[in-house]
PDB file of N, CA and C in Angstrom:
ATOM      1  N   UNK A   1     -38.890  61.170 -38.486  1.00  0.00           N
ATOM      2  CA  UNK A   1     -37.742  61.840 -39.056  1.00  0.00           C
ATOM      3  C   UNK A   1     -37.591  61.423 -40.517  1.00  0.00           C
ATOM      4  N   UNK A   2     -37.362  62.413 -41.406  1.00  0.00           N
ATOM      5  CA  UNK A   2     -37.212  62.078 -42.803  1.00  0.00           C
ATOM      6  C   UNK A   2     -35.837  61.532 -43.070  1.00  0.00           C
ATOM      7  N   UNK A   3     -35.682  60.963 -44.250  1.00  0.00           N
ATOM      8  CA  UNK A   3     -34.380  60.391 -44.595  1.00  0.00           C
ATOM      9  C   UNK A   3     -33.256  61.401 -44.642  1.00  0.00           C
ATOM     10  N   UNK A   4     -33.561  62.648 -45.223  1.00  0.00           N
ATOM     11  CA  UNK A   4     -32.512  63.680 -45.367  1.00  0.00           C
ATOM     12  C   UNK A   4     -32.138  64.246 -43.992  1.00  0.00           C
ATOM     13  N   UNK A   5     -33.090  64.377 -43.098  1.00  0.00           N
ATOM     14  CA  UNK A   5     -32.786  64.848 -41.757  1.00  0.00           C
ATOM     15  C   UNK A   5     -31.946  63.833 -41.046  1.00  0.00           C
ATOM     16  N   UNK A   6     -32.137  62.545 -41.240  1.00  0.00           N
ATOM     17  CA  UNK A   6     -31.349  61.540 -40.657  1.00  0.00           C
ATOM     18  C   UNK A   6     -29.868  61.582 -41.152  1.00  0.00           C
ATOM     19  N   UNK A   7     -29.712  61.801 -42.439  1.00  0.00           N
ATOM     20  CA  UNK A   7     -28.354  61.962 -43.010  1.00  0.00           C
ATOM     21  C   UNK A   7     -27.645  63.179 -42.433  1.00  0.00           C
ATOM     22  N   UNK A   8     -28.379  64.302 -42.344  1.00  0.00           N
ATOM     23  CA  UNK A   8     -27.820  65.518 -41.784  1.00  0.00           C
ATOM     24  C   UNK A   8     -27.352  65.333 -40.399  1.00  0.00           C
ATOM     25  N   UNK A   9     -28.146  64.642 -39.584  1.00  0.00           N
ATOM     26  CA  UNK A   9     -27.814  64.385 -38.201  1.00  0.00           C
ATOM     27  C   UNK A   9     -26.502  63.503 -38.112  1.00  0.00           C
ATOM     28  N   UNK A  10     -26.425  62.499 -38.990  1.00  0.00           N
ATOM     29  CA  UNK A  10     -25.247  61.606 -39.029  1.00  0.00           C
ATOM     30  C   UNK A  10     -23.989  62.403 -39.415  1.00  0.00           C
ATOM     31  N   UNK A  11     -24.140  63.339 -40.348  1.00  0.00           N
ATOM     32  CA  UNK A  11     -22.980  64.091 -40.838  1.00  0.00           C
ATOM     33  C   UNK A  11     -22.537  65.140 -39.733  1.00  0.00           C
ATOM     34  N   UNK A  12     -23.459  65.631 -38.990  1.00  0.00           N
ATOM     35  CA  UNK A  12     -23.145  66.715 -37.996  1.00  0.00           C
ATOM     36  C   UNK A  12     -22.889  66.192 -36.617  1.00  0.00           C
ATOM     37  N   UNK A  13     -22.802  64.859 -36.468  1.00  0.00           N
ATOM     38  CA  UNK A  13     -22.573  64.307 -35.066  1.00  0.00           C
ATOM     39  C   UNK A  13     -21.121  64.675 -34.654  1.00  0.00           C
ATOM     40  N   UNK A  14     -20.916  64.877 -33.367  1.00  0.00           N
ATOM     41  CA  UNK A  14     -19.631  65.204 -32.866  1.00  0.00           C
ATOM     42  C   UNK A  14     -18.716  64.027 -32.814  1.00  0.00           C
ATOM     43  N   UNK A  15     -17.428  64.245 -33.099  1.00  0.00           N
ATOM     44  CA  UNK A  15     -16.390  63.261 -33.053  1.00  0.00           C
ATOM     45  C   UNK A  15     -15.289  63.789 -32.208  1.00  0.00           C
ATOM     46  N   UNK A  16     -14.767  63.033 -31.255  1.00  0.00           N
ATOM     47  CA  UNK A  16     -13.643  63.550 -30.417  1.00  0.00           C
ATOM     48  C   UNK A  16     -12.305  63.532 -31.208  1.00  0.00           C
ATOM     49  N   UNK A  17     -11.654  64.672 -31.204  1.00  0.00           N
ATOM     50  CA  UNK A  17     -10.415  64.793 -31.862  1.00  0.00           C
ATOM     51  C   UNK A  17      -9.400  65.394 -30.897  1.00  0.00           C
ATOM     52  N   UNK A  18      -8.236  64.803 -30.780  1.00  0.00           N
ATOM     53  CA  UNK A  18      -7.185  65.324 -29.930  1.00  0.00           C
ATOM     54  C   UNK A  18      -6.149  66.032 -30.753  1.00  0.00           C
ATOM     55  N   UNK A  19      -5.708  67.241 -30.308  1.00  0.00           N
ATOM     56  CA  UNK A  19      -4.650  68.018 -30.977  1.00  0.00           C
ATOM     57  C   UNK A  19      -3.345  67.244 -30.978  1.00  0.00           C
ATOM     58  N   UNK A  20      -2.618  67.150 -32.090  1.00  0.00           N
ATOM     59  CA  UNK A  20      -1.382  66.402 -32.139  1.00  0.00           C
ATOM     60  C   UNK A  20      -0.266  67.058 -31.367  1.00  0.00           C
ATOM     61  N   UNK A  21      -0.389  68.333 -31.004  1.00  0.00           N
ATOM     62  CA  UNK A  21       0.681  69.042 -30.294  1.00  0.00           C
ATOM     63  C   UNK A  21       0.371  69.088 -28.807  1.00  0.00           C
ATOM     64  N   UNK A  22      -0.830  69.676 -28.466  1.00  0.00           N
ATOM     65  CA  UNK A  22      -1.082  69.878 -27.014  1.00  0.00           C
ATOM     66  C   UNK A  22      -1.985  68.805 -26.415  1.00  0.00           C
ATOM     67  N   UNK A  23      -2.558  67.923 -27.236  1.00  0.00           N
ATOM     68  CA  UNK A  23      -3.383  66.819 -26.816  1.00  0.00           C
ATOM     69  C   UNK A  23      -4.728  67.217 -26.203  1.00  0.00           C
ATOM     70  N   UNK A  24      -5.184  68.483 -26.513  1.00  0.00           N
ATOM     71  CA  UNK A  24      -6.466  68.957 -26.030  1.00  0.00           C
ATOM     72  C   UNK A  24      -7.540  68.261 -26.861  1.00  0.00           C
ATOM     73  N   UNK A  25      -8.532  67.697 -26.187  1.00  0.00           N
ATOM     74  CA  UNK A  25      -9.606  66.942 -26.867  1.00  0.00           C
ATOM     75  C   UNK A  25     -10.804  67.903 -27.097  1.00  0.00           C
ATOM     76  N   UNK A  26     -11.174  68.014 -28.355  1.00  0.00           N
ATOM     77  CA  UNK A  26     -12.373  68.818 -28.696  1.00  0.00           C
ATOM     78  C   UNK A  26     -13.272  68.024 -29.665  1.00  0.00           C
ATOM     79  N   UNK A  27     -14.513  68.422 -29.706  1.00  0.00           N
ATOM     80  CA  UNK A  27     -15.445  67.839 -30.621  1.00  0.00           C
ATOM     81  C   UNK A  27     -15.427  68.535 -31.979  1.00  0.00           C
ATOM     82  N   UNK A  28     -15.425  67.781 -33.013  1.00  0.00           N
ATOM     83  CA  UNK A  28     -15.483  68.322 -34.403  1.00  0.00           C
ATOM     84  C   UNK A  28     -16.612  67.626 -35.143  1.00  0.00           C
ATOM     85  N   UNK A  29     -17.170  68.225 -36.166  1.00  0.00           N
ATOM     86  CA  UNK A  29     -18.229  67.559 -36.918  1.00  0.00           C
ATOM     87  C   UNK A  29     -17.694  66.434 -37.776  1.00  0.00           C
ATOM     88  N   UNK A  30     -18.406  65.347 -37.875  1.00  0.00           N
ATOM     89  CA  UNK A  30     -18.018  64.176 -38.655  1.00  0.00           C
ATOM     90  C   UNK A  30     -17.874  64.533 -40.118  1.00  0.00           C
ATOM     91  N   UNK A  31     -18.684  65.435 -40.616  1.00  0.00           N
ATOM     92  CA  UNK A  31     -18.599  65.832 -42.026  1.00  0.00           C
ATOM     93  C   UNK A  31     -17.319  66.480 -42.349  1.00  0.00           C
ATOM     94  N   UNK A  32     -16.746  67.307 -41.443  1.00  0.00           N
ATOM     95  CA  UNK A  32     -15.447  67.934 -41.672  1.00  0.00           C
ATOM     96  C   UNK A  32     -14.363  66.930 -41.682  1.00  0.00           C
ATOM     97  N   UNK A  33     -14.462  65.891 -40.860  1.00  0.00           N
ATOM     98  CA  UNK A  33     -13.418  64.804 -40.872  1.00  0.00           C
ATOM     99  C   UNK A  33     -13.533  63.986 -42.145  1.00  0.00           C
ATOM    100  N   UNK A  34     -14.680  63.741 -42.658  1.00  0.00           N
ATOM    101  CA  UNK A  34     -14.851  62.930 -43.799  1.00  0.00           C
ATOM    102  C   UNK A  34     -14.320  63.714 -45.046  1.00  0.00           C
ATOM    103  N   UNK A  35     -14.486  65.027 -45.116  1.00  0.00           N
ATOM    104  CA  UNK A  35     -14.011  65.844 -46.212  1.00  0.00           C
ATOM    105  C   UNK A  35     -12.513  66.164 -46.103  1.00  0.00           C
ATOM    106  N   UNK A  36     -11.899  65.782 -45.005  1.00  0.00           N
ATOM    107  CA  UNK A  36     -10.465  66.071 -44.723  1.00  0.00           C
ATOM    108  C   UNK A  36     -10.229  67.610 -44.674  1.00  0.00           C
ATOM    109  N   UNK A  37     -11.174  68.342 -44.087  1.00  0.00           N
ATOM    110  CA  UNK A  37     -11.027  69.782 -43.969  1.00  0.00           C
ATOM    111  C   UNK A  37     -10.029  70.126 -42.896  1.00  0.00           C
ATOM    112  N   UNK A  38      -9.504  71.330 -42.984  1.00  0.00           N
ATOM    113  CA  UNK A  38      -8.518  71.779 -41.953  1.00  0.00           C
ATOM    114  C   UNK A  38      -9.237  72.045 -40.679  1.00  0.00           C
ATOM    115  N   UNK A  39      -8.712  71.510 -39.588  1.00  0.00           N
ATOM    116  CA  UNK A  39      -9.253  71.674 -38.230  1.00  0.00           C
ATOM    117  C   UNK A  39      -8.353  72.600 -37.454  1.00  0.00           C
ATOM    118  N   UNK A  40      -8.953  73.329 -36.513  1.00  0.00           N
ATOM    119  CA  UNK A  40      -8.181  74.246 -35.688  1.00  0.00           C
ATOM    120  C   UNK A  40      -8.323  73.805 -34.213  1.00  0.00           C
ATOM    121  N   UNK A  41      -7.225  73.724 -33.492  1.00  0.00           N
ATOM    122  CA  UNK A  41      -7.244  73.385 -32.082  1.00  0.00           C
ATOM    123  C   UNK A  41      -7.746  74.668 -31.325  1.00  0.00           C
ATOM    124  N   UNK A  42      -8.785  74.537 -30.474  1.00  0.00           N
ATOM    125  CA  UNK A  42      -9.265  75.717 -29.743  1.00  0.00           C
ATOM    126  C   UNK A  42      -8.285  76.127 -28.578  1.00  0.00           C
ATOM    127  N   UNK A  43      -7.430  75.268 -28.219  1.00  0.00           N
ATOM    128  CA  UNK A  43      -6.503  75.583 -27.116  1.00  0.00           C
ATOM    129  C   UNK A  43      -5.229  76.282 -27.580  1.00  0.00           C
ATOM    130  N   UNK A  44      -4.567  75.684 -28.595  1.00  0.00           N
ATOM    131  CA  UNK A  44      -3.255  76.243 -28.991  1.00  0.00           C
ATOM    132  C   UNK A  44      -3.301  76.915 -30.426  1.00  0.00           C
ATOM    133  N   UNK A  45      -4.414  76.738 -31.159  1.00  0.00           N
ATOM    134  CA  UNK A  45      -4.533  77.361 -32.446  1.00  0.00           C
ATOM    135  C   UNK A  45      -3.867  76.650 -33.600  1.00  0.00           C
ATOM    136  N   UNK A  46      -3.398  75.430 -33.399  1.00  0.00           N
ATOM    137  CA  UNK A  46      -2.778  74.662 -34.455  1.00  0.00           C
ATOM    138  C   UNK A  46      -3.750  74.346 -35.520  1.00  0.00           C
ATOM    139  N   UNK A  47      -3.363  74.440 -36.803  1.00  0.00           N
ATOM    140  CA  UNK A  47      -4.158  74.060 -37.933  1.00  0.00           C
ATOM    141  C   UNK A  47      -3.579  72.691 -38.441  1.00  0.00           C
ATOM    142  N   UNK A  48      -4.464  71.686 -38.601  1.00  0.00           N
ATOM    143  CA  UNK A  48      -4.048  70.372 -39.015  1.00  0.00           C
ATOM    144  C   UNK A  48      -5.207  69.686 -39.808  1.00  0.00           C
ATOM    145  N   UNK A  49      -4.819  68.717 -40.611  1.00  0.00           N
ATOM    146  CA  UNK A  49      -5.820  67.903 -41.358  1.00  0.00           C
ATOM    147  C   UNK A  49      -5.980  66.584 -40.688  1.00  0.00           C
ATOM    148  N   UNK A  50      -7.188  66.034 -40.654  1.00  0.00           N
ATOM    149  CA  UNK A  50      -7.425  64.754 -40.048  1.00  0.00           C
ATOM    150  C   UNK A  50      -6.557  63.647 -40.639  1.00  0.00           C
ATOM    151  N   UNK A  51      -6.308  63.731 -41.926  1.00  0.00           N
ATOM    152  CA  UNK A  51      -5.493  62.627 -42.554  1.00  0.00           C
ATOM    153  C   UNK A  51      -4.003  62.642 -42.093  1.00  0.00           C
ATOM    154  N   UNK A  52      -3.567  63.742 -41.503  1.00  0.00           N
ATOM    155  CA  UNK A  52      -2.206  63.885 -40.984  1.00  0.00           C
ATOM    156  C   UNK A  52      -2.086  63.554 -39.498  1.00  0.00           C
ATOM    157  N   UNK A  53      -3.214  63.208 -38.893  1.00  0.00           N
ATOM    158  CA  UNK A  53      -3.295  63.081 -37.424  1.00  0.00           C
ATOM    159  C   UNK A  53      -3.623  61.623 -37.050  1.00  0.00           C
ATOM    160  N   UNK A  54      -2.845  61.131 -36.070  1.00  0.00           N
ATOM    161  CA  UNK A  54      -3.092  59.762 -35.598  1.00  0.00           C
ATOM    162  C   UNK A  54      -4.128  59.745 -34.530  1.00  0.00           C
ATOM    163  N   UNK A  55      -4.552  60.900 -34.003  1.00  0.00           N
ATOM    164  CA  UNK A  55      -5.358  60.961 -32.751  1.00  0.00           C
ATOM    165  C   UNK A  55      -6.852  61.192 -32.986  1.00  0.00           C
ATOM    166  N   UNK A  56      -7.405  60.722 -34.130  1.00  0.00           N
ATOM    167  CA  UNK A  56      -8.828  60.854 -34.380  1.00  0.00           C
ATOM    168  C   UNK A  56      -9.605  59.720 -33.733  1.00  0.00           C
ATOM    169  N   UNK A  57     -10.703  60.064 -33.071  1.00  0.00           N
ATOM    170  CA  UNK A  57     -11.577  59.047 -32.524  1.00  0.00           C
ATOM    171  C   UNK A  57     -11.509  58.878 -31.035  1.00  0.00           C
ATOM    172  N   UNK A  58     -12.285  57.954 -30.475  1.00  0.00           N
ATOM    173  CA  UNK A  58     -12.399  57.557 -29.182  1.00  0.00           C
ATOM    174  C   UNK A  58     -12.234  58.320 -28.032  1.00  0.00           C
TER     175      UNK A  58
END
């Protein structure tokens, strides 16, 4: 595997994120979390930023 493919895989790995309202756990890309992009809950449709959420990880 080349160096750039390894970085791409690291950036696109799934990270568990729980919705702050309904607590639904979904996988989001690590790159979106690092960029603090707006995430959408697939269950309730809430839009939130990772920096505003206590429930990122594990």
